[in-house]
Protein backbone atom coordinates (compact mmCIF):
# COMPACT_ATOMS: atom_id res chain seq x y z
CA MET A 1 -60.63 82.15 22.74
CA ARG A 2 -58.67 80.25 20.25
CA LEU A 3 -54.97 79.55 20.41
CA ARG A 4 -54.39 81.48 17.22
CA ASP A 5 -55.88 84.69 18.71
CA VAL A 6 -53.76 84.33 21.85
CA ILE A 7 -50.55 83.96 19.80
CA LEU A 8 -51.42 87.00 17.66
CA ARG A 9 -52.07 89.15 20.73
CA LEU A 10 -48.90 88.02 22.48
CA GLY A 11 -46.87 88.43 19.29
CA SER A 12 -48.13 91.93 18.56
CA THR A 13 -47.59 92.95 22.20
CA ALA A 14 -44.03 91.61 22.05
CA VAL A 15 -43.34 93.54 18.84
CA VAL A 16 -44.66 96.80 20.31
CA TRP A 17 -42.63 96.39 23.52
CA SER A 18 -39.52 95.50 21.50
CA LEU A 19 -39.83 98.64 19.38
CA LEU A 20 -40.36 100.73 22.49
CA GLY A 21 -37.27 99.23 24.13
CA LEU A 22 -35.12 99.75 21.03
CA SER A 23 -36.27 103.36 20.78
CA ALA A 24 -35.39 103.97 24.46
CA LEU A 25 -31.98 102.31 23.94
CA TYR A 26 -31.28 104.46 20.85
CA TRP A 27 -32.14 107.73 22.61
CA GLY A 28 -30.27 106.71 25.75
CA LEU A 29 -27.10 106.02 23.77
CA LEU A 30 -27.53 109.25 21.79
CA LEU A 31 -27.95 111.40 24.90
CA THR A 32 -25.09 109.84 26.86
CA GLU A 33 -22.60 110.10 23.97
CA PRO A 34 -19.92 112.76 24.62
CA LEU A 35 -20.12 115.82 22.39
CA ALA A 36 -17.55 116.17 19.64
CA PRO A 37 -15.15 119.07 20.21
CA ALA A 38 -15.94 122.16 18.14
CA VAL A 39 -13.53 122.69 15.28
CA ALA A 40 -12.82 126.25 14.22
CA PRO A 41 -13.32 126.85 10.50
CA ALA A 42 -10.21 127.39 8.48
CA ALA A 43 -9.37 131.03 7.84
CA PRO A 44 -9.97 132.06 4.22
CA ALA A 45 -6.95 132.97 2.18
CA ALA A 46 -6.32 136.68 1.86
CA LEU A 47 -8.14 138.05 -1.16
CA ALA A 48 -6.54 140.67 -3.34
CA VAL A 49 -8.73 143.78 -3.46
CA PRO A 50 -8.67 145.52 -6.84
CA GLN A 51 -7.79 149.21 -6.85
CA ILE A 52 -10.77 151.28 -7.97
CA LYS A 53 -10.44 154.87 -9.13
CA SER A 54 -13.76 156.13 -7.84
CA ALA A 55 -13.25 159.71 -9.04
CA ALA A 56 -12.75 158.54 -12.62
CA ILE A 57 -15.81 156.28 -12.45
CA ALA A 58 -17.91 159.08 -10.94
CA ALA A 59 -16.83 161.49 -13.69
CA TRP A 60 -17.60 158.88 -16.35
CA LEU A 61 -21.11 158.45 -14.87
CA GLY A 62 -21.68 162.21 -15.02
CA ALA A 63 -21.01 163.30 -11.42
CA PRO A 64 -19.89 166.91 -10.99
CA SER A 65 -16.21 167.57 -10.43
CA GLU A 66 -14.95 168.30 -6.91
CA SER A 67 -14.90 172.06 -7.49
CA GLN A 68 -18.51 172.02 -8.74
CA ALA A 69 -19.63 169.74 -5.91
CA SER A 70 -17.98 171.82 -3.18
CA GLY A 71 -20.17 174.87 -3.99
CA ALA A 72 -23.35 172.80 -4.00
CA GLN A 73 -22.35 170.94 -0.84
CA GLY A 74 -21.63 174.23 0.94
CA GLN A 75 -25.14 175.37 0.11
CA ALA A 76 -26.65 171.99 1.04
CA ARG A 77 -24.91 172.03 4.43
CA ARG A 78 -27.15 174.93 5.39
CA TYR A 79 -30.11 172.53 5.42
CA GLU A 80 -30.45 169.61 7.79
CA LEU A 81 -33.26 167.09 7.52
CA ARG A 82 -34.56 166.15 10.98
CA GLY A 83 -37.70 164.19 10.11
CA VAL A 84 -40.11 163.21 7.34
CA ILE A 85 -43.78 162.31 7.13
CA ALA A 86 -44.49 161.00 3.63
CA GLN A 87 -47.88 159.95 2.25
CA GLY A 88 -47.91 159.59 -1.53
CA SER A 89 -47.28 162.97 -3.15
CA LEU A 90 -48.12 164.77 0.10
CA GLY A 91 -45.86 165.09 3.07
CA VAL A 92 -44.01 167.20 5.56
CA ALA A 93 -40.29 167.57 6.17
CA VAL A 94 -38.83 168.86 9.42
CA LEU A 95 -35.85 171.04 8.43
CA SER A 96 -33.24 173.00 10.30
CA ILE A 97 -31.73 175.90 8.36
CA ASP A 98 -28.34 177.35 9.34
CA GLY A 99 -28.45 175.62 12.73
CA GLN A 100 -31.76 177.24 13.70
CA PRO A 101 -34.43 175.21 15.52
CA ALA A 102 -36.15 172.74 13.22
CA ARG A 103 -39.49 173.68 11.65
CA PRO A 104 -42.00 171.65 9.62
CA PHE A 105 -42.49 172.44 5.92
CA ALA A 106 -45.26 170.93 3.77
CA VAL A 107 -44.58 169.88 0.18
CA GLY A 108 -44.99 172.93 -2.06
CA THR A 109 -44.24 175.53 0.62
CA SER A 110 -41.31 177.92 0.53
CA VAL A 111 -38.40 176.99 2.77
CA GLU A 112 -36.70 180.32 2.13
CA GLU A 113 -36.61 182.77 -0.75
CA GLY A 114 -35.97 180.89 -3.99
CA VAL A 115 -36.10 177.43 -2.37
CA MET A 116 -39.19 175.30 -1.80
CA LEU A 117 -39.85 171.77 -0.63
CA ARG A 118 -40.45 169.87 -3.88
CA ALA A 119 -41.03 166.31 -2.60
CA VAL A 120 -40.51 163.99 0.34
CA GLY A 121 -39.81 160.27 0.48
CA VAL A 122 -39.49 157.68 3.20
CA ARG A 123 -36.01 158.87 4.23
CA HIS A 124 -35.35 161.99 2.11
CA ALA A 125 -36.55 165.44 1.08
CA GLU A 126 -35.94 167.31 -2.17
CA LEU A 127 -35.52 171.08 -2.42
CA ALA A 128 -36.00 172.98 -5.70
CA ALA A 129 -36.60 176.48 -7.02
CA ASP A 130 -40.17 175.47 -7.96
CA LEU A 131 -42.29 172.30 -7.99
CA SER A 132 -41.56 171.48 -11.63
CA GLY A 133 -37.91 172.54 -11.62
CA PRO A 134 -34.82 170.39 -11.14
CA VAL A 135 -33.81 169.25 -7.67
CA LEU A 136 -31.33 171.65 -6.09
CA HIS A 137 -30.66 169.60 -2.95
CA ARG A 138 -31.58 166.08 -1.88
CA LEU A 139 -31.43 165.78 1.90
CA GLU A 140 -31.19 162.30 3.47
CA LEU A 141 -32.11 161.30 7.00
CA PRO A 142 -29.16 159.73 8.82
CA MET A 143 -29.41 156.00 9.43
CA PRO A 144 -30.78 155.14 12.87
CA ASP A 145 -28.46 154.37 15.75
CA SER A 146 -26.53 151.17 15.07
CA ARG A 147 -26.64 150.21 18.75
CA LEU A 148 -29.87 148.24 18.49
CA PRO A 149 -30.50 145.41 20.96
CA ASP A 150 -29.40 141.92 19.96
CA GLY A 151 -31.86 140.25 17.62
CA VAL A 152 -33.38 143.57 16.46
CA THR A 153 -32.59 144.74 12.93
CA TRP A 154 -33.48 147.91 11.06
CA VAL A 155 -35.92 147.27 8.20
CA PRO A 156 -36.69 150.20 5.93
CA ALA A 157 -40.32 150.92 5.13
CA GLN A 158 -41.70 149.35 1.97
CA ARG A 159 -43.73 151.39 -0.52
């Protein structure tokens, strides 16, 4: 073995052990350093909330007036959507009428005289006088219980 080979081996070994020692020193100092105290974020300044006249905006967008809506809402309150199974243009809605026990209705079947189930969606059902007529009532399923376990969120179905 030549002297040059011995010096290269000892030199490279010394470099490796030096890097290992410096790495251990760095991590040792980092782990033994006391944690900085948590600083609470500054409270945002109070924001002025603009006053919005929702009734005027709704009328401008074509919503019915309160007197017109009250008659339709009274009729719609007779129907309660309890569940939906939707598959494309087919589907079934589970409806309760006037507080009676809920019953399933397929799309296109009569719910009661003059009212039929026109269409169903992921979270809604539409009632109309006939399949091609305008929607008389759009019934929405209530949002699921907000008391979900931590880390669990409600994700609506994608179409």
